[in-house]
């Protein structure tokens, strides 16, 4: 039996990404108040986030709070969000699963996003000691060039942990991008869909493209012991 290589996504797979967003919104609002004298509502930002408008919400709320803002104000507002030091907690089932599999599999992490931001999350969750190899796709190239579904991070993970495709499993939450590359490489793909977290998941409205459907769905990461043996 080949060794098991168990690779995880980070955001909304191991912890609630909404918690990161709330901390970032508070940091951005504090920056706007202290620097621009503008009062930005964290609740307003959360409402836009829940509507699926993460990409537009910063410009929207700053325009509402300070109509005469500059383009640099928007950039600094977003920077305050992205550079805050988060306070995060693993999902209970994720903590249990990582503890269980640490001694039974080679663990890896592939996560999209700006590398500095993702590594701040990894530090906050004290994840580095749990994983053999961690890849933040933002470090692989500019302008999201190697973000999922690009296969580059998965290919690098294979090279780092074992031979191509043998015994590799990827666990993620985002149907639109998480499983395209691992499926194409012959990995097993597992979608984590927690019923208690569905309404708060950042990418809850996504659907799987052709070739990107997960092979298995679990509702709790403790179920991995059942589906993987």
C-alpha atoms as a PDB file:
ATOM      1  CA  UNK A   1       0.000   0.000   0.000  1.00  0.00           C
ATOM      2  CA  UNK A   2       1.515   3.389  -1.001  1.00  0.00           C
ATOM      3  CA  UNK A   3       2.107   5.982   1.728  1.00  0.00           C
ATOM      4  CA  UNK A   4      -0.696   8.477   2.239  1.00  0.00           C
ATOM      5  CA  UNK A   5      -0.035  12.104   1.313  1.00  0.00           C
ATOM      6  CA  UNK A   6      -2.863  14.165   2.805  1.00  0.00           C
ATOM      7  CA  UNK A   7      -2.935  17.740   1.523  1.00  0.00           C
ATOM      8  CA  UNK A   8      -5.280  20.409   2.880  1.00  0.00           C
ATOM      9  CA  UNK A   9      -6.592  23.766   1.770  1.00  0.00           C
ATOM     10  CA  UNK A  10      -6.545  26.442   4.499  1.00  0.00           C
ATOM     11  CA  UNK A  11      -9.338  29.040   4.325  1.00  0.00           C
ATOM     12  CA  UNK A  12     -12.743  27.660   5.370  1.00  0.00           C
ATOM     13  CA  UNK A  13     -11.245  24.169   5.388  1.00  0.00           C
ATOM     14  CA  UNK A  14      -9.194  24.302   8.593  1.00  0.00           C
ATOM     15  CA  UNK A  15     -10.611  27.499  10.138  1.00  0.00           C
ATOM     16  CA  UNK A  16     -13.441  29.964   9.481  1.00  0.00           C
ATOM     17  CA  UNK A  17     -12.251  32.514   6.918  1.00  0.00           C
ATOM     18  CA  UNK A  18     -15.009  34.865   8.055  1.00  0.00           C
ATOM     19  CA  UNK A  19     -13.138  35.235  11.362  1.00  0.00           C
ATOM     20  CA  UNK A  20     -10.104  36.491   9.462  1.00  0.00           C
ATOM     21  CA  UNK A  21     -12.308  38.907   7.521  1.00  0.00           C
ATOM     22  CA  UNK A  22     -13.865  40.326  10.695  1.00  0.00           C
ATOM     23  CA  UNK A  23     -10.431  41.043  12.168  1.00  0.00           C
ATOM     24  CA  UNK A  24      -9.338  42.658   8.923  1.00  0.00           C
ATOM     25  CA  UNK A  25     -12.475  44.795   8.716  1.00  0.00           C
ATOM     26  CA  UNK A  26     -11.851  46.078  12.223  1.00  0.00           C
ATOM     27  CA  UNK A  27      -8.254  46.929  11.357  1.00  0.00           C
ATOM     28  CA  UNK A  28      -9.299  48.700   8.155  1.00  0.00           C
ATOM     29  CA  UNK A  29     -12.043  50.635   9.958  1.00  0.00           C
ATOM     30  CA  UNK A  30      -9.558  51.715  12.636  1.00  0.00           C
ATOM     31  CA  UNK A  31      -7.145  52.912   9.938  1.00  0.00           C
ATOM     32  CA  UNK A  32      -9.892  54.899   8.185  1.00  0.00           C
ATOM     33  CA  UNK A  33     -10.919  56.545  11.451  1.00  0.00           C
ATOM     34  CA  UNK A  34      -7.407  57.466  12.581  1.00  0.00           C
ATOM     35  CA  UNK A  35      -6.021  58.491   9.181  1.00  0.00           C
ATOM     36  CA  UNK A  36      -9.003  59.843   7.245  1.00  0.00           C
ATOM     37  CA  UNK A  37     -11.397  60.734  10.050  1.00  0.00           C
ATOM     38  CA  UNK A  38     -13.936  58.515   8.293  1.00  0.00           C
ATOM     39  CA  UNK A  39     -16.278  56.190  10.172  1.00  0.00           C
ATOM     40  CA  UNK A  40     -16.596  52.869   8.357  1.00  0.00           C
ATOM     41  CA  UNK A  41     -19.104  50.326   9.636  1.00  0.00           C
ATOM     42  CA  UNK A  42     -17.755  46.831  10.246  1.00  0.00           C
ATOM     43  CA  UNK A  43     -21.340  45.545  10.101  1.00  0.00           C
ATOM     44  CA  UNK A  44     -21.759  47.131   6.672  1.00  0.00           C
ATOM     45  CA  UNK A  45     -18.625  45.370   5.442  1.00  0.00           C
ATOM     46  CA  UNK A  46     -19.849  42.070   6.864  1.00  0.00           C
ATOM     47  CA  UNK A  47     -23.178  42.521   5.090  1.00  0.00           C
ATOM     48  CA  UNK A  48     -21.431  43.039   1.756  1.00  0.00           C
ATOM     49  CA  UNK A  49     -19.197  40.047   2.433  1.00  0.00           C
ATOM     50  CA  UNK A  50     -22.202  37.833   3.100  1.00  0.00           C
ATOM     51  CA  UNK A  51     -23.678  39.007  -0.196  1.00  0.00           C
ATOM     52  CA  UNK A  52     -20.565  37.753  -1.981  1.00  0.00           C
ATOM     53  CA  UNK A  53     -19.058  41.185  -2.685  1.00  0.00           C
ATOM     54  CA  UNK A  54     -15.610  40.822  -1.116  1.00  0.00           C
ATOM     55  CA  UNK A  55     -13.907  42.215  -4.211  1.00  0.00           C
ATOM     56  CA  UNK A  56     -15.922  45.439  -4.288  1.00  0.00           C
ATOM     57  CA  UNK A  57     -16.703  46.090  -0.650  1.00  0.00           C
ATOM     58  CA  UNK A  58     -13.609  48.143   0.264  1.00  0.00           C
ATOM     59  CA  UNK A  59     -14.197  50.739  -2.450  1.00  0.00           C
ATOM     60  CA  UNK A  60     -17.929  50.711  -1.713  1.00  0.00           C
ATOM     61  CA  UNK A  61     -17.722  51.427   2.018  1.00  0.00           C
ATOM     62  CA  UNK A  62     -14.935  53.986   1.674  1.00  0.00           C
ATOM     63  CA  UNK A  63     -16.948  55.816  -0.969  1.00  0.00           C
ATOM     64  CA  UNK A  64     -19.911  55.880   1.408  1.00  0.00           C
ATOM     65  CA  UNK A  65     -17.843  57.042   4.389  1.00  0.00           C
ATOM     66  CA  UNK A  66     -15.576  59.531   2.564  1.00  0.00           C
ATOM     67  CA  UNK A  67     -16.746  60.417  -0.965  1.00  0.00           C
ATOM     68  CA  UNK A  68     -13.652  62.591  -1.588  1.00  0.00           C
ATOM     69  CA  UNK A  69     -11.162  59.772  -0.919  1.00  0.00           C
ATOM     70  CA  UNK A  70      -8.231  59.137  -3.249  1.00  0.00           C
ATOM     71  CA  UNK A  71      -7.132  55.984  -5.035  1.00  0.00           C
ATOM     72  CA  UNK A  72      -4.242  55.742  -2.568  1.00  0.00           C
ATOM     73  CA  UNK A  73      -6.751  55.843   0.290  1.00  0.00           C
ATOM     74  CA  UNK A  74      -8.430  52.740  -1.105  1.00  0.00           C
ATOM     75  CA  UNK A  75      -5.068  50.961  -1.475  1.00  0.00           C
ATOM     76  CA  UNK A  76      -4.066  51.819   2.104  1.00  0.00           C
ATOM     77  CA  UNK A  77      -7.497  50.802   3.376  1.00  0.00           C
ATOM     78  CA  UNK A  78      -7.116  47.389   1.735  1.00  0.00           C
ATOM     79  CA  UNK A  79      -3.513  47.163   2.990  1.00  0.00           C
ATOM     80  CA  UNK A  80      -4.698  47.697   6.579  1.00  0.00           C
ATOM     81  CA  UNK A  81      -7.056  44.760   6.090  1.00  0.00           C
ATOM     82  CA  UNK A  82      -4.429  42.479   4.613  1.00  0.00           C
ATOM     83  CA  UNK A  83      -1.587  43.343   7.001  1.00  0.00           C
ATOM     84  CA  UNK A  84      -3.390  42.898  10.312  1.00  0.00           C
ATOM     85  CA  UNK A  85      -2.177  40.142  12.644  1.00  0.00           C
ATOM     86  CA  UNK A  86      -5.111  37.757  12.877  1.00  0.00           C
ATOM     87  CA  UNK A  87      -6.407  35.877  15.899  1.00  0.00           C
ATOM     88  CA  UNK A  88      -7.792  32.588  14.634  1.00  0.00           C
ATOM     89  CA  UNK A  89      -8.834  29.162  15.863  1.00  0.00           C
ATOM     90  CA  UNK A  90      -8.974  25.826  14.079  1.00  0.00           C
ATOM     91  CA  UNK A  91     -12.321  24.154  13.608  1.00  0.00           C
ATOM     92  CA  UNK A  92     -12.572  21.481  16.314  1.00  0.00           C
ATOM     93  CA  UNK A  93     -12.874  18.714  13.729  1.00  0.00           C
ATOM     94  CA  UNK A  94      -9.861  20.092  11.848  1.00  0.00           C
ATOM     95  CA  UNK A  95      -7.717  20.113  15.000  1.00  0.00           C
ATOM     96  CA  UNK A  96      -8.724  16.514  15.747  1.00  0.00           C
ATOM     97  CA  UNK A  97      -8.077  15.379  12.173  1.00  0.00           C
ATOM     98  CA  UNK A  98      -4.636  16.983  11.991  1.00  0.00           C
ATOM     99  CA  UNK A  99      -3.649  15.423  15.308  1.00  0.00           C
ATOM    100  CA  UNK A 100      -4.846  12.015  14.138  1.00  0.00           C
ATOM    101  CA  UNK A 101      -3.147  12.088  10.720  1.00  0.00           C
ATOM    102  CA  UNK A 102       0.144  13.713  11.709  1.00  0.00           C
ATOM    103  CA  UNK A 103       1.654  10.360  12.612  1.00  0.00           C
ATOM    104  CA  UNK A 104      -0.172   8.391   9.915  1.00  0.00           C
ATOM    105  CA  UNK A 105       0.389  10.424   6.738  1.00  0.00           C
ATOM    106  CA  UNK A 106       2.611  13.023   5.144  1.00  0.00           C
ATOM    107  CA  UNK A 107       0.673  16.273   5.573  1.00  0.00           C
ATOM    108  CA  UNK A 108       0.848  19.216   3.183  1.00  0.00           C
ATOM    109  CA  UNK A 109      -0.913  22.562   2.820  1.00  0.00           C
ATOM    110  CA  UNK A 110      -1.759  24.427  -0.407  1.00  0.00           C
ATOM    111  CA  UNK A 111      -3.433  27.793   0.037  1.00  0.00           C
ATOM    112  CA  UNK A 112      -4.295  30.663  -2.309  1.00  0.00           C
ATOM    113  CA  UNK A 113      -3.686  34.291  -1.472  1.00  0.00           C
ATOM    114  CA  UNK A 114      -0.914  36.799  -0.869  1.00  0.00           C
ATOM    115  CA  UNK A 115       1.941  34.837   0.699  1.00  0.00           C
ATOM    116  CA  UNK A 116       2.500  37.216   3.638  1.00  0.00           C
ATOM    117  CA  UNK A 117      -1.216  37.178   4.457  1.00  0.00           C
ATOM    118  CA  UNK A 118      -1.482  33.396   4.304  1.00  0.00           C
ATOM    119  CA  UNK A 119       1.622  32.906   6.423  1.00  0.00           C
ATOM    120  CA  UNK A 120       0.183  35.297   9.026  1.00  0.00           C
ATOM    121  CA  UNK A 121      -2.835  32.983   9.226  1.00  0.00           C
ATOM    122  CA  UNK A 122      -0.540  29.944   9.463  1.00  0.00           C
ATOM    123  CA  UNK A 123       1.343  31.579  12.360  1.00  0.00           C
ATOM    124  CA  UNK A 124      -1.893  32.484  14.122  1.00  0.00           C
ATOM    125  CA  UNK A 125      -3.048  28.868  13.892  1.00  0.00           C
ATOM    126  CA  UNK A 126       0.420  27.448  14.744  1.00  0.00           C
ATOM    127  CA  UNK A 127       0.199  25.156  11.726  1.00  0.00           C
ATOM    128  CA  UNK A 128       3.813  25.009  10.559  1.00  0.00           C
ATOM    129  CA  UNK A 129       4.835  22.170  12.930  1.00  0.00           C
ATOM    130  CA  UNK A 130       1.971  20.006  11.661  1.00  0.00           C
ATOM    131  CA  UNK A 131       2.906  19.993   7.958  1.00  0.00           C
ATOM    132  CA  UNK A 132       5.795  18.522   5.965  1.00  0.00           C
ATOM    133  CA  UNK A 133       5.407  21.120   3.220  1.00  0.00           C
ATOM    134  CA  UNK A 134       3.402  24.360   2.873  1.00  0.00           C
ATOM    135  CA  UNK A 135       2.771  26.237  -0.380  1.00  0.00           C
ATOM    136  CA  UNK A 136       1.163  29.675  -0.570  1.00  0.00           C
ATOM    137  CA  UNK A 137       0.430  30.081  -4.271  1.00  0.00           C
ATOM    138  CA  UNK A 138       0.914  33.835  -4.099  1.00  0.00           C
ATOM    139  CA  UNK A 139       4.646  33.189  -3.626  1.00  0.00           C
ATOM    140  CA  UNK A 140       4.904  31.287  -6.918  1.00  0.00           C
ATOM    141  CA  UNK A 141       4.320  34.258  -9.227  1.00  0.00           C
ATOM    142  CA  UNK A 142       2.660  37.680  -9.548  1.00  0.00           C
ATOM    143  CA  UNK A 143      -0.972  38.607 -10.171  1.00  0.00           C
ATOM    144  CA  UNK A 144      -2.485  35.343  -8.917  1.00  0.00           C
ATOM    145  CA  UNK A 145      -0.819  33.558 -11.843  1.00  0.00           C
ATOM    146  CA  UNK A 146      -0.498  30.261  -9.957  1.00  0.00           C
ATOM    147  CA  UNK A 147      -3.625  30.389  -7.833  1.00  0.00           C
ATOM    148  CA  UNK A 148      -5.871  27.347  -8.028  1.00  0.00           C
ATOM    149  CA  UNK A 149      -6.994  25.819 -10.332  1.00  0.00           C
ATOM    150  CA  UNK A 150      -3.480  26.169 -11.802  1.00  0.00           C
ATOM    151  CA  UNK A 151      -1.655  22.846 -11.254  1.00  0.00           C
ATOM    152  CA  UNK A 152       1.766  24.274 -10.350  1.00  0.00           C
ATOM    153  CA  UNK A 153       1.376  24.115  -6.556  1.00  0.00           C
ATOM    154  CA  UNK A 154       0.091  20.541  -6.740  1.00  0.00           C
ATOM    155  CA  UNK A 155       2.991  19.489  -8.959  1.00  0.00           C
ATOM    156  CA  UNK A 156       5.456  21.053  -6.515  1.00  0.00           C
ATOM    157  CA  UNK A 157       3.768  19.281  -3.616  1.00  0.00           C
ATOM    158  CA  UNK A 158       4.126  15.932  -5.415  1.00  0.00           C
ATOM    159  CA  UNK A 159       7.821  16.589  -5.988  1.00  0.00           C
ATOM    160  CA  UNK A 160       8.334  17.509  -2.359  1.00  0.00           C
ATOM    161  CA  UNK A 161       6.399  14.687  -0.716  1.00  0.00           C
ATOM    162  CA  UNK A 162       6.422  11.689  -3.031  1.00  0.00           C
ATOM    163  CA  UNK A 163       6.107  10.243  -6.472  1.00  0.00           C
ATOM    164  CA  UNK A 164       3.523  11.561  -8.915  1.00  0.00           C
ATOM    165  CA  UNK A 165      -0.061  11.079  -7.846  1.00  0.00           C
ATOM    166  CA  UNK A 166       0.466   7.948  -5.755  1.00  0.00           C
ATOM    167  CA  UNK A 167      -1.491   8.076  -2.504  1.00  0.00           C
ATOM    168  CA  UNK A 168      -2.268  11.797  -2.752  1.00  0.00           C
ATOM    169  CA  UNK A 169      -5.497  13.267  -1.341  1.00  0.00           C
ATOM    170  CA  UNK A 170      -6.624  16.916  -1.413  1.00  0.00           C
ATOM    171  CA  UNK A 171      -9.194  18.292   1.029  1.00  0.00           C
ATOM    172  CA  UNK A 172     -10.805  21.661   0.272  1.00  0.00           C
ATOM    173  CA  UNK A 173     -13.976  23.711   0.475  1.00  0.00           C
ATOM    174  CA  UNK A 174     -14.181  25.780  -2.729  1.00  0.00           C
ATOM    175  CA  UNK A 175     -15.963  23.854  -5.472  1.00  0.00           C
ATOM    176  CA  UNK A 176     -15.031  26.366  -8.164  1.00  0.00           C
ATOM    177  CA  UNK A 177     -11.259  25.810  -8.018  1.00  0.00           C
ATOM    178  CA  UNK A 178     -10.003  23.379  -5.371  1.00  0.00           C
ATOM    179  CA  UNK A 179     -10.355  20.063  -7.175  1.00  0.00           C
ATOM    180  CA  UNK A 180      -9.595  20.723 -10.859  1.00  0.00           C
ATOM    181  CA  UNK A 181      -5.819  20.275 -10.592  1.00  0.00           C
ATOM    182  CA  UNK A 182      -5.703  17.366  -8.119  1.00  0.00           C
ATOM    183  CA  UNK A 183      -8.316  15.477 -10.145  1.00  0.00           C
ATOM    184  CA  UNK A 184      -6.257  15.949 -13.316  1.00  0.00           C
ATOM    185  CA  UNK A 185      -3.149  14.672 -11.536  1.00  0.00           C
ATOM    186  CA  UNK A 186      -4.875  11.519 -10.349  1.00  0.00           C
ATOM    187  CA  UNK A 187      -5.304  12.537  -6.720  1.00  0.00           C
ATOM    188  CA  UNK A 188      -8.354  11.716  -4.651  1.00  0.00           C
ATOM    189  CA  UNK A 189     -10.372  14.865  -3.900  1.00  0.00           C
ATOM    190  CA  UNK A 190     -12.530  15.449  -0.821  1.00  0.00           C
ATOM    191  CA  UNK A 191     -14.950  18.338  -0.268  1.00  0.00           C
ATOM    192  CA  UNK A 192     -15.526  19.454   3.323  1.00  0.00           C
ATOM    193  CA  UNK A 193     -19.101  20.752   3.628  1.00  0.00           C
ATOM    194  CA  UNK A 194     -19.917  21.479   7.288  1.00  0.00           C
ATOM    195  CA  UNK A 195     -23.703  21.980   7.639  1.00  0.00           C
ATOM    196  CA  UNK A 196     -23.199  24.315  10.615  1.00  0.00           C
ATOM    197  CA  UNK A 197     -20.838  26.522   8.596  1.00  0.00           C
ATOM    198  CA  UNK A 198     -22.520  26.643   5.183  1.00  0.00           C
ATOM    199  CA  UNK A 199     -24.120  30.068   5.639  1.00  0.00           C
ATOM    200  CA  UNK A 200     -20.821  31.628   6.769  1.00  0.00           C
ATOM    201  CA  UNK A 201     -18.536  30.104   4.156  1.00  0.00           C
ATOM    202  CA  UNK A 202     -16.967  32.841   2.012  1.00  0.00           C
ATOM    203  CA  UNK A 203     -17.384  30.905  -1.245  1.00  0.00           C
ATOM    204  CA  UNK A 204     -20.733  29.334  -0.457  1.00  0.00           C
ATOM    205  CA  UNK A 205     -22.235  30.213  -3.849  1.00  0.00           C
ATOM    206  CA  UNK A 206     -19.621  28.401  -5.963  1.00  0.00           C
ATOM    207  CA  UNK A 207     -20.220  25.360  -8.137  1.00  0.00           C
ATOM    208  CA  UNK A 208     -17.813  22.800  -9.568  1.00  0.00           C
ATOM    209  CA  UNK A 209     -16.688  23.114 -13.217  1.00  0.00           C
ATOM    210  CA  UNK A 210     -16.396  20.101 -15.482  1.00  0.00           C
ATOM    211  CA  UNK A 211     -13.553  17.978 -14.167  1.00  0.00           C
ATOM    212  CA  UNK A 212     -13.604  19.780 -10.832  1.00  0.00           C
ATOM    213  CA  UNK A 213     -16.173  17.718  -8.984  1.00  0.00           C
ATOM    214  CA  UNK A 214     -14.913  16.208  -5.717  1.00  0.00           C
ATOM    215  CA  UNK A 215     -14.781  12.432  -5.478  1.00  0.00           C
ATOM    216  CA  UNK A 216     -16.005  12.370  -1.880  1.00  0.00           C
ATOM    217  CA  UNK A 217     -17.967  14.727   0.382  1.00  0.00           C
ATOM    218  CA  UNK A 218     -17.545  14.796   4.149  1.00  0.00           C
ATOM    219  CA  UNK A 219     -19.366  16.945   6.694  1.00  0.00           C
ATOM    220  CA  UNK A 220     -16.713  16.699   9.412  1.00  0.00           C
ATOM    221  CA  UNK A 221     -12.981  16.142   8.972  1.00  0.00           C
ATOM    222  CA  UNK A 222     -13.074  13.365  11.544  1.00  0.00           C
ATOM    223  CA  UNK A 223     -14.843  11.367   8.811  1.00  0.00           C
ATOM    224  CA  UNK A 224     -11.513  11.125   6.980  1.00  0.00           C
ATOM    225  CA  UNK A 225     -10.596   8.172   9.178  1.00  0.00           C
ATOM    226  CA  UNK A 226     -13.604   6.357   7.722  1.00  0.00           C
ATOM    227  CA  UNK A 227     -13.220   7.294   4.057  1.00  0.00           C
ATOM    228  CA  UNK A 228      -9.432   6.890   3.927  1.00  0.00           C
ATOM    229  CA  UNK A 229      -9.167   3.808   6.104  1.00  0.00           C
END
